[in-house]
């Protein structure tokens, strides 16, 4: 998420993060609009995961090259240059484009892999499908939304939305998981529309409407320390071991809103 003058440019990661935690969307939007500084602290465990993710992506890219495919890697290019080079590679019929760049305002995305398939499009007798390398053996909802978004953006470039997208997982039994784009199109439109609406709101309003309850996304969020401090300062009921949101709401309804009150 970043400011481009009068508008906010959104990424596929923003979509996934919005699904995981809307409070984070408010915080990131404040950074994009220059109202807040981004956290400087980085979880060392996250750095290790990122490194493992890059290694997994490299191994898959090496396997593609070993098949004798023509691979174009755009990892060293950014912004408009990467978008232009992606289009050039697709028009040239490259077998594989790594770290491609797609833009369809207000969205910008960088899928790990675009792979050529022999299905006609505006490019010629071929077109492309999206693949992403993920460390998790089970594909999460945020990943599906990201790849569905990439597929729609890719469709705008090549004049035909691909039928499927793929997740490359480190699973020896099912290394490539395939999903139909249209199975998730309606859900994508719903969540994408809600994020686009949120991006036009004041960041503080989003933060206020979505308290930073602990969620699964906290494990990979750069704002974790800030939100954890706020919960502790508020003496929030989420600090009770094993408490559910439903239990917290029931307690709130009878006036028990803090650990001290409990």
C-alpha atoms as a PDB file:
ATOM      1  CA  UNK A   1       0.000   0.000   0.000  1.00  0.00           C
ATOM      2  CA  UNK A   2       1.489   3.329  -1.051  1.00  0.00           C
ATOM      3  CA  UNK A   3       0.415   6.820  -1.988  1.00  0.00           C
ATOM      4  CA  UNK A   4       0.580   7.813  -5.656  1.00  0.00           C
ATOM      5  CA  UNK A   5      -0.386  11.456  -5.425  1.00  0.00           C
ATOM      6  CA  UNK A   6      -4.123  11.665  -4.847  1.00  0.00           C
ATOM      7  CA  UNK A   7      -4.765   7.911  -4.782  1.00  0.00           C
ATOM      8  CA  UNK A   8      -3.638   4.864  -2.810  1.00  0.00           C
ATOM      9  CA  UNK A   9      -2.108   2.010  -4.785  1.00  0.00           C
ATOM     10  CA  UNK A  10      -3.029  -1.391  -3.366  1.00  0.00           C
ATOM     11  CA  UNK A  11      -1.202  -4.697  -3.617  1.00  0.00           C
ATOM     12  CA  UNK A  12      -2.268  -8.320  -3.488  1.00  0.00           C
ATOM     13  CA  UNK A  13      -0.580  -8.527  -0.066  1.00  0.00           C
ATOM     14  CA  UNK A  14      -2.821  -5.690   1.145  1.00  0.00           C
ATOM     15  CA  UNK A  15      -5.821  -7.783   0.102  1.00  0.00           C
ATOM     16  CA  UNK A  16      -4.592 -10.796   2.046  1.00  0.00           C
ATOM     17  CA  UNK A  17      -3.790  -8.679   5.094  1.00  0.00           C
ATOM     18  CA  UNK A  18      -7.210  -7.016   4.957  1.00  0.00           C
ATOM     19  CA  UNK A  19      -8.771 -10.460   5.104  1.00  0.00           C
ATOM     20  CA  UNK A  20      -6.596 -11.372   8.086  1.00  0.00           C
ATOM     21  CA  UNK A  21      -6.852  -8.137  10.112  1.00  0.00           C
ATOM     22  CA  UNK A  22      -8.629  -4.923   9.224  1.00  0.00           C
ATOM     23  CA  UNK A  23      -6.940  -3.051  12.054  1.00  0.00           C
ATOM     24  CA  UNK A  24      -3.665  -3.570  10.192  1.00  0.00           C
ATOM     25  CA  UNK A  25      -5.238  -2.033   7.085  1.00  0.00           C
ATOM     26  CA  UNK A  26      -5.900   1.152   9.067  1.00  0.00           C
ATOM     27  CA  UNK A  27      -2.307   1.238  10.350  1.00  0.00           C
ATOM     28  CA  UNK A  28      -0.794   0.623   6.906  1.00  0.00           C
ATOM     29  CA  UNK A  29      -3.075   3.232   5.360  1.00  0.00           C
ATOM     30  CA  UNK A  30      -1.867   5.784   7.926  1.00  0.00           C
ATOM     31  CA  UNK A  31       1.730   5.023   6.881  1.00  0.00           C
ATOM     32  CA  UNK A  32       0.854   5.383   3.190  1.00  0.00           C
ATOM     33  CA  UNK A  33      -0.700   8.793   3.859  1.00  0.00           C
ATOM     34  CA  UNK A  34       2.256   9.982   5.923  1.00  0.00           C
ATOM     35  CA  UNK A  35       0.330  10.049   9.211  1.00  0.00           C
ATOM     36  CA  UNK A  36       2.351   7.364  10.990  1.00  0.00           C
ATOM     37  CA  UNK A  37       5.831   5.836  10.873  1.00  0.00           C
ATOM     38  CA  UNK A  38       6.129   2.180   9.940  1.00  0.00           C
ATOM     39  CA  UNK A  39       7.590  -0.105  12.646  1.00  0.00           C
ATOM     40  CA  UNK A  40      11.362  -0.438  12.524  1.00  0.00           C
ATOM     41  CA  UNK A  41      11.435  -3.737  14.440  1.00  0.00           C
ATOM     42  CA  UNK A  42      11.550  -6.930  12.379  1.00  0.00           C
ATOM     43  CA  UNK A  43      10.872 -10.351  13.861  1.00  0.00           C
ATOM     44  CA  UNK A  44      14.035 -12.491  13.363  1.00  0.00           C
ATOM     45  CA  UNK A  45      11.821 -15.540  12.827  1.00  0.00           C
ATOM     46  CA  UNK A  46      10.152 -13.743   9.935  1.00  0.00           C
ATOM     47  CA  UNK A  47      13.524 -13.095   8.326  1.00  0.00           C
ATOM     48  CA  UNK A  48      14.253 -16.826   8.496  1.00  0.00           C
ATOM     49  CA  UNK A  49      10.873 -17.637   6.919  1.00  0.00           C
ATOM     50  CA  UNK A  50      11.461 -15.089   4.163  1.00  0.00           C
ATOM     51  CA  UNK A  51      14.846 -16.640   3.426  1.00  0.00           C
ATOM     52  CA  UNK A  52      13.327 -20.128   3.288  1.00  0.00           C
ATOM     53  CA  UNK A  53      10.612 -18.797   0.977  1.00  0.00           C
ATOM     54  CA  UNK A  54      13.193 -17.349  -1.399  1.00  0.00           C
ATOM     55  CA  UNK A  55      15.102 -20.641  -1.404  1.00  0.00           C
ATOM     56  CA  UNK A  56      11.905 -22.541  -2.234  1.00  0.00           C
ATOM     57  CA  UNK A  57      11.227 -20.120  -5.097  1.00  0.00           C
ATOM     58  CA  UNK A  58      14.809 -20.487  -6.400  1.00  0.00           C
ATOM     59  CA  UNK A  59      14.578 -24.282  -6.330  1.00  0.00           C
ATOM     60  CA  UNK A  60      11.379 -24.180  -8.381  1.00  0.00           C
ATOM     61  CA  UNK A  61      12.928 -21.718 -10.844  1.00  0.00           C
ATOM     62  CA  UNK A  62      15.964 -24.013 -11.206  1.00  0.00           C
ATOM     63  CA  UNK A  63      13.630 -26.946 -11.909  1.00  0.00           C
ATOM     64  CA  UNK A  64      11.959 -24.942 -14.694  1.00  0.00           C
ATOM     65  CA  UNK A  65      15.320 -24.096 -16.227  1.00  0.00           C
ATOM     66  CA  UNK A  66      16.308 -27.764 -16.019  1.00  0.00           C
ATOM     67  CA  UNK A  67      13.299 -28.539 -18.232  1.00  0.00           C
ATOM     68  CA  UNK A  68      14.902 -26.393 -20.914  1.00  0.00           C
ATOM     69  CA  UNK A  69      12.336 -23.598 -20.638  1.00  0.00           C
ATOM     70  CA  UNK A  70      13.106 -20.002 -21.559  1.00  0.00           C
ATOM     71  CA  UNK A  71      13.012 -18.176 -18.219  1.00  0.00           C
ATOM     72  CA  UNK A  72      13.054 -14.383 -17.835  1.00  0.00           C
ATOM     73  CA  UNK A  73      13.745 -13.126 -14.303  1.00  0.00           C
ATOM     74  CA  UNK A  74      12.567  -9.586 -13.493  1.00  0.00           C
ATOM     75  CA  UNK A  75      13.466  -9.603  -9.802  1.00  0.00           C
ATOM     76  CA  UNK A  76      15.983  -6.779 -10.276  1.00  0.00           C
ATOM     77  CA  UNK A  77      13.430  -4.478 -11.924  1.00  0.00           C
ATOM     78  CA  UNK A  78      10.735  -2.424 -10.215  1.00  0.00           C
ATOM     79  CA  UNK A  79       7.772  -0.144 -10.839  1.00  0.00           C
ATOM     80  CA  UNK A  80       6.824   0.871 -14.362  1.00  0.00           C
ATOM     81  CA  UNK A  81      10.015  -0.670 -15.760  1.00  0.00           C
ATOM     82  CA  UNK A  82       9.029  -4.102 -14.417  1.00  0.00           C
ATOM     83  CA  UNK A  83       5.494  -3.727 -15.809  1.00  0.00           C
ATOM     84  CA  UNK A  84       6.841  -2.841 -19.265  1.00  0.00           C
ATOM     85  CA  UNK A  85       9.357  -5.704 -19.235  1.00  0.00           C
ATOM     86  CA  UNK A  86       6.640  -8.147 -18.173  1.00  0.00           C
ATOM     87  CA  UNK A  87       4.485  -7.152 -21.138  1.00  0.00           C
ATOM     88  CA  UNK A  88       7.481  -7.377 -23.455  1.00  0.00           C
ATOM     89  CA  UNK A  89       8.313 -10.888 -22.210  1.00  0.00           C
ATOM     90  CA  UNK A  90       4.708 -12.042 -22.599  1.00  0.00           C
ATOM     91  CA  UNK A  91       4.420 -10.648 -26.118  1.00  0.00           C
ATOM     92  CA  UNK A  92       7.706 -12.360 -26.967  1.00  0.00           C
ATOM     93  CA  UNK A  93       6.281 -15.711 -25.862  1.00  0.00           C
ATOM     94  CA  UNK A  94       8.694 -16.455 -23.009  1.00  0.00           C
ATOM     95  CA  UNK A  95       8.020 -19.836 -21.375  1.00  0.00           C
ATOM     96  CA  UNK A  96       8.338 -18.464 -17.839  1.00  0.00           C
ATOM     97  CA  UNK A  97       8.442 -14.961 -16.337  1.00  0.00           C
ATOM     98  CA  UNK A  98       9.733 -14.761 -12.761  1.00  0.00           C
ATOM     99  CA  UNK A  99       8.711 -11.857 -10.498  1.00  0.00           C
ATOM    100  CA  UNK A 100       6.449 -10.387 -13.151  1.00  0.00           C
ATOM    101  CA  UNK A 101       4.756  -7.037 -12.506  1.00  0.00           C
ATOM    102  CA  UNK A 102       1.078  -6.367 -13.210  1.00  0.00           C
ATOM    103  CA  UNK A 103      -0.807  -3.107 -12.803  1.00  0.00           C
ATOM    104  CA  UNK A 104      -4.523  -2.370 -13.072  1.00  0.00           C
ATOM    105  CA  UNK A 105      -5.363   0.771 -11.121  1.00  0.00           C
ATOM    106  CA  UNK A 106      -5.577   0.970  -8.190  1.00  0.00           C
ATOM    107  CA  UNK A 107      -3.874  -2.457  -7.974  1.00  0.00           C
ATOM    108  CA  UNK A 108      -0.260  -3.496  -8.428  1.00  0.00           C
ATOM    109  CA  UNK A 109       1.062  -7.025  -8.011  1.00  0.00           C
ATOM    110  CA  UNK A 110       4.125  -9.208  -8.473  1.00  0.00           C
ATOM    111  CA  UNK A 111       3.269 -12.883  -8.898  1.00  0.00           C
ATOM    112  CA  UNK A 112       6.185 -15.257  -8.392  1.00  0.00           C
ATOM    113  CA  UNK A 113       5.738 -17.006 -11.737  1.00  0.00           C
ATOM    114  CA  UNK A 114       3.857 -16.548 -14.993  1.00  0.00           C
ATOM    115  CA  UNK A 115       3.977 -19.734 -17.071  1.00  0.00           C
ATOM    116  CA  UNK A 116       3.064 -20.023 -20.708  1.00  0.00           C
ATOM    117  CA  UNK A 117       0.224 -22.337 -21.765  1.00  0.00           C
ATOM    118  CA  UNK A 118      -0.889 -23.099 -25.292  1.00  0.00           C
ATOM    119  CA  UNK A 119      -4.279 -21.414 -24.975  1.00  0.00           C
ATOM    120  CA  UNK A 120      -5.004 -18.535 -27.412  1.00  0.00           C
ATOM    121  CA  UNK A 121      -5.247 -14.958 -26.193  1.00  0.00           C
ATOM    122  CA  UNK A 122      -4.647 -11.462 -27.508  1.00  0.00           C
ATOM    123  CA  UNK A 123      -0.924 -12.306 -27.346  1.00  0.00           C
ATOM    124  CA  UNK A 124      -1.222 -15.017 -30.005  1.00  0.00           C
ATOM    125  CA  UNK A 125      -1.685 -18.774 -29.814  1.00  0.00           C
ATOM    126  CA  UNK A 126      -0.477 -18.747 -26.215  1.00  0.00           C
ATOM    127  CA  UNK A 127      -1.361 -17.175 -22.889  1.00  0.00           C
ATOM    128  CA  UNK A 128      -0.149 -17.318 -19.278  1.00  0.00           C
ATOM    129  CA  UNK A 129      -1.219 -18.705 -15.910  1.00  0.00           C
ATOM    130  CA  UNK A 130      -0.150 -17.575 -12.435  1.00  0.00           C
ATOM    131  CA  UNK A 131       1.880 -19.701 -10.038  1.00  0.00           C
ATOM    132  CA  UNK A 132       3.060 -18.737  -6.560  1.00  0.00           C
ATOM    133  CA  UNK A 133       5.562 -20.606  -4.407  1.00  0.00           C
ATOM    134  CA  UNK A 134       4.442 -20.993  -0.782  1.00  0.00           C
ATOM    135  CA  UNK A 135       6.059 -22.733   2.166  1.00  0.00           C
ATOM    136  CA  UNK A 136       2.751 -23.811   3.734  1.00  0.00           C
ATOM    137  CA  UNK A 137       1.482 -27.231   2.654  1.00  0.00           C
ATOM    138  CA  UNK A 138      -2.113 -26.048   3.149  1.00  0.00           C
ATOM    139  CA  UNK A 139      -3.193 -23.116   0.973  1.00  0.00           C
ATOM    140  CA  UNK A 140      -4.843 -20.327   2.979  1.00  0.00           C
ATOM    141  CA  UNK A 141      -7.689 -18.028   2.002  1.00  0.00           C
ATOM    142  CA  UNK A 142      -5.395 -15.021   1.702  1.00  0.00           C
ATOM    143  CA  UNK A 143      -3.194 -16.853  -0.795  1.00  0.00           C
ATOM    144  CA  UNK A 144      -6.202 -17.852  -2.897  1.00  0.00           C
ATOM    145  CA  UNK A 145      -7.414 -14.243  -2.991  1.00  0.00           C
ATOM    146  CA  UNK A 146      -3.980 -12.984  -4.024  1.00  0.00           C
ATOM    147  CA  UNK A 147      -3.713 -15.433  -6.902  1.00  0.00           C
ATOM    148  CA  UNK A 148      -7.294 -14.833  -8.023  1.00  0.00           C
ATOM    149  CA  UNK A 149      -6.470 -11.107  -8.125  1.00  0.00           C
ATOM    150  CA  UNK A 150      -3.263 -11.732 -10.095  1.00  0.00           C
ATOM    151  CA  UNK A 151      -5.253 -13.865 -12.546  1.00  0.00           C
ATOM    152  CA  UNK A 152      -7.801 -11.115 -13.164  1.00  0.00           C
ATOM    153  CA  UNK A 153      -5.030  -8.554 -13.640  1.00  0.00           C
ATOM    154  CA  UNK A 154      -3.260 -10.938 -16.005  1.00  0.00           C
ATOM    155  CA  UNK A 155      -6.507 -11.375 -17.924  1.00  0.00           C
ATOM    156  CA  UNK A 156      -6.645  -7.626 -18.546  1.00  0.00           C
ATOM    157  CA  UNK A 157      -3.133  -7.753 -20.040  1.00  0.00           C
ATOM    158  CA  UNK A 158      -3.552 -10.776 -22.305  1.00  0.00           C
ATOM    159  CA  UNK A 159      -7.225 -10.309 -23.154  1.00  0.00           C
ATOM    160  CA  UNK A 160      -8.302 -13.596 -21.546  1.00  0.00           C
ATOM    161  CA  UNK A 161      -8.630 -14.499 -17.871  1.00  0.00           C
ATOM    162  CA  UNK A 162      -6.792 -17.784 -17.228  1.00  0.00           C
ATOM    163  CA  UNK A 163      -8.984 -20.687 -16.194  1.00  0.00           C
ATOM    164  CA  UNK A 164      -6.777 -21.762 -13.287  1.00  0.00           C
ATOM    165  CA  UNK A 165      -3.972 -20.661 -10.996  1.00  0.00           C
ATOM    166  CA  UNK A 166      -1.467 -22.793  -9.091  1.00  0.00           C
ATOM    167  CA  UNK A 167       0.304 -22.926  -5.730  1.00  0.00           C
ATOM    168  CA  UNK A 168       3.714 -24.626  -5.613  1.00  0.00           C
ATOM    169  CA  UNK A 169       4.096 -26.108  -2.128  1.00  0.00           C
ATOM    170  CA  UNK A 170       6.977 -28.084  -0.562  1.00  0.00           C
ATOM    171  CA  UNK A 171       4.782 -31.183  -0.454  1.00  0.00           C
ATOM    172  CA  UNK A 172       6.310 -34.251  -2.157  1.00  0.00           C
ATOM    173  CA  UNK A 173       2.864 -35.828  -2.639  1.00  0.00           C
ATOM    174  CA  UNK A 174       1.078 -32.776  -4.076  1.00  0.00           C
ATOM    175  CA  UNK A 175       3.772 -30.253  -5.082  1.00  0.00           C
ATOM    176  CA  UNK A 176       1.424 -28.206  -7.301  1.00  0.00           C
ATOM    177  CA  UNK A 177      -2.111 -27.389  -6.184  1.00  0.00           C
ATOM    178  CA  UNK A 178      -4.479 -26.075  -8.870  1.00  0.00           C
ATOM    179  CA  UNK A 179      -7.559 -23.891  -8.349  1.00  0.00           C
ATOM    180  CA  UNK A 180     -10.212 -22.596 -10.759  1.00  0.00           C
ATOM    181  CA  UNK A 181     -10.280 -18.795 -11.024  1.00  0.00           C
ATOM    182  CA  UNK A 182     -14.060 -18.565 -11.418  1.00  0.00           C
ATOM    183  CA  UNK A 183     -14.639 -20.566  -8.235  1.00  0.00           C
ATOM    184  CA  UNK A 184     -13.326 -17.581  -6.267  1.00  0.00           C
ATOM    185  CA  UNK A 185     -14.275 -14.657  -8.527  1.00  0.00           C
ATOM    186  CA  UNK A 186     -17.353 -13.586  -6.543  1.00  0.00           C
ATOM    187  CA  UNK A 187     -15.509 -13.721  -3.226  1.00  0.00           C
ATOM    188  CA  UNK A 188     -12.624 -11.750  -4.736  1.00  0.00           C
ATOM    189  CA  UNK A 189     -15.004  -9.021  -5.937  1.00  0.00           C
ATOM    190  CA  UNK A 190     -16.539  -8.804  -2.455  1.00  0.00           C
ATOM    191  CA  UNK A 191     -13.296  -8.480  -0.483  1.00  0.00           C
ATOM    192  CA  UNK A 192     -11.596  -6.332  -3.133  1.00  0.00           C
ATOM    193  CA  UNK A 193     -14.525  -3.904  -3.139  1.00  0.00           C
ATOM    194  CA  UNK A 194     -14.481  -3.654   0.643  1.00  0.00           C
ATOM    195  CA  UNK A 195     -10.758  -2.910   0.690  1.00  0.00           C
ATOM    196  CA  UNK A 196     -11.085  -0.275  -2.035  1.00  0.00           C
ATOM    197  CA  UNK A 197     -13.845   1.371   0.029  1.00  0.00           C
ATOM    198  CA  UNK A 198     -11.719   1.215   3.180  1.00  0.00           C
ATOM    199  CA  UNK A 199      -8.753   2.785   1.374  1.00  0.00           C
ATOM    200  CA  UNK A 200     -10.865   5.905   0.789  1.00  0.00           C
ATOM    201  CA  UNK A 201     -11.648   6.276   4.496  1.00  0.00           C
ATOM    202  CA  UNK A 202      -9.686   7.975   7.256  1.00  0.00           C
ATOM    203  CA  UNK A 203      -7.134   5.540   8.729  1.00  0.00           C
ATOM    204  CA  UNK A 204      -8.176   6.430  12.269  1.00  0.00           C
ATOM    205  CA  UNK A 205     -11.775   5.467  11.523  1.00  0.00           C
ATOM    206  CA  UNK A 206     -10.679   2.004  10.359  1.00  0.00           C
ATOM    207  CA  UNK A 207      -8.500   1.518  13.436  1.00  0.00           C
ATOM    208  CA  UNK A 208     -11.296   2.634  15.773  1.00  0.00           C
ATOM    209  CA  UNK A 209     -13.853   0.343  14.143  1.00  0.00           C
ATOM    210  CA  UNK A 210     -11.572  -2.712  14.340  1.00  0.00           C
ATOM    211  CA  UNK A 211      -9.919  -3.285  17.721  1.00  0.00           C
ATOM    212  CA  UNK A 212      -6.604  -5.205  17.416  1.00  0.00           C
ATOM    213  CA  UNK A 213      -7.930  -8.526  18.694  1.00  0.00           C
ATOM    214  CA  UNK A 214      -5.334 -11.316  18.471  1.00  0.00           C
ATOM    215  CA  UNK A 215      -5.726 -13.204  15.166  1.00  0.00           C
ATOM    216  CA  UNK A 216      -3.703 -15.746  13.223  1.00  0.00           C
ATOM    217  CA  UNK A 217      -2.212 -12.930  11.150  1.00  0.00           C
ATOM    218  CA  UNK A 218      -0.456 -11.566  14.265  1.00  0.00           C
ATOM    219  CA  UNK A 219       2.220 -14.238  13.810  1.00  0.00           C
ATOM    220  CA  UNK A 220       3.497 -12.544  10.644  1.00  0.00           C
ATOM    221  CA  UNK A 221       2.512  -8.916  11.237  1.00  0.00           C
ATOM    222  CA  UNK A 222       4.983  -6.050  11.528  1.00  0.00           C
ATOM    223  CA  UNK A 223       2.592  -4.253  13.902  1.00  0.00           C
ATOM    224  CA  UNK A 224       2.433  -7.077  16.456  1.00  0.00           C
ATOM    225  CA  UNK A 225       4.442  -5.299  19.161  1.00  0.00           C
ATOM    226  CA  UNK A 226       2.340  -2.125  18.875  1.00  0.00           C
ATOM    227  CA  UNK A 227      -0.950  -4.025  19.097  1.00  0.00           C
ATOM    228  CA  UNK A 228       0.285  -6.216  21.952  1.00  0.00           C
ATOM    229  CA  UNK A 229       1.274  -3.099  23.916  1.00  0.00           C
ATOM    230  CA  UNK A 230      -2.145  -1.554  23.339  1.00  0.00           C
ATOM    231  CA  UNK A 231      -3.930  -4.683  24.573  1.00  0.00           C
ATOM    232  CA  UNK A 232      -1.784  -4.712  27.692  1.00  0.00           C
ATOM    233  CA  UNK A 233      -2.293  -0.990  28.306  1.00  0.00           C
ATOM    234  CA  UNK A 234      -6.057  -1.545  27.926  1.00  0.00           C
ATOM    235  CA  UNK A 235      -5.949  -4.602  30.235  1.00  0.00           C
ATOM    236  CA  UNK A 236      -7.902  -6.326  27.463  1.00  0.00           C
ATOM    237  CA  UNK A 237      -9.741  -9.609  27.981  1.00  0.00           C
ATOM    238  CA  UNK A 238      -7.850 -11.186  25.093  1.00  0.00           C
ATOM    239  CA  UNK A 239      -4.985 -11.597  27.580  1.00  0.00           C
ATOM    240  CA  UNK A 240      -6.972 -14.313  29.364  1.00  0.00           C
ATOM    241  CA  UNK A 241      -5.444 -17.667  28.398  1.00  0.00           C
ATOM    242  CA  UNK A 242      -7.640 -19.527  25.932  1.00  0.00           C
ATOM    243  CA  UNK A 243     -10.439 -16.953  25.871  1.00  0.00           C
ATOM    244  CA  UNK A 244     -12.518 -16.832  22.679  1.00  0.00           C
ATOM    245  CA  UNK A 245     -14.027 -13.757  21.042  1.00  0.00           C
ATOM    246  CA  UNK A 246     -17.487 -15.075  21.821  1.00  0.00           C
ATOM    247  CA  UNK A 247     -16.626 -15.374  25.512  1.00  0.00           C
ATOM    248  CA  UNK A 248     -15.160 -11.853  25.495  1.00  0.00           C
ATOM    249  CA  UNK A 249     -18.357 -10.468  23.955  1.00  0.00           C
ATOM    250  CA  UNK A 250     -20.486 -12.231  26.555  1.00  0.00           C
ATOM    251  CA  UNK A 251     -18.351 -10.757  29.335  1.00  0.00           C
ATOM    252  CA  UNK A 252     -18.473  -7.294  27.752  1.00  0.00           C
ATOM    253  CA  UNK A 253     -22.263  -7.524  27.665  1.00  0.00           C
ATOM    254  CA  UNK A 254     -22.374  -7.766  31.477  1.00  0.00           C
ATOM    255  CA  UNK A 255     -19.828  -4.992  32.032  1.00  0.00           C
ATOM    256  CA  UNK A 256     -16.680  -7.107  32.370  1.00  0.00           C
ATOM    257  CA  UNK A 257     -14.274  -5.431  29.948  1.00  0.00           C
ATOM    258  CA  UNK A 258     -10.843  -5.764  31.622  1.00  0.00           C
ATOM    259  CA  UNK A 259      -8.752  -8.348  33.407  1.00  0.00           C
ATOM    260  CA  UNK A 260      -9.045  -6.352  36.612  1.00  0.00           C
ATOM    261  CA  UNK A 261     -12.841  -6.369  36.362  1.00  0.00           C
ATOM    262  CA  UNK A 262     -12.843 -10.094  35.619  1.00  0.00           C
END
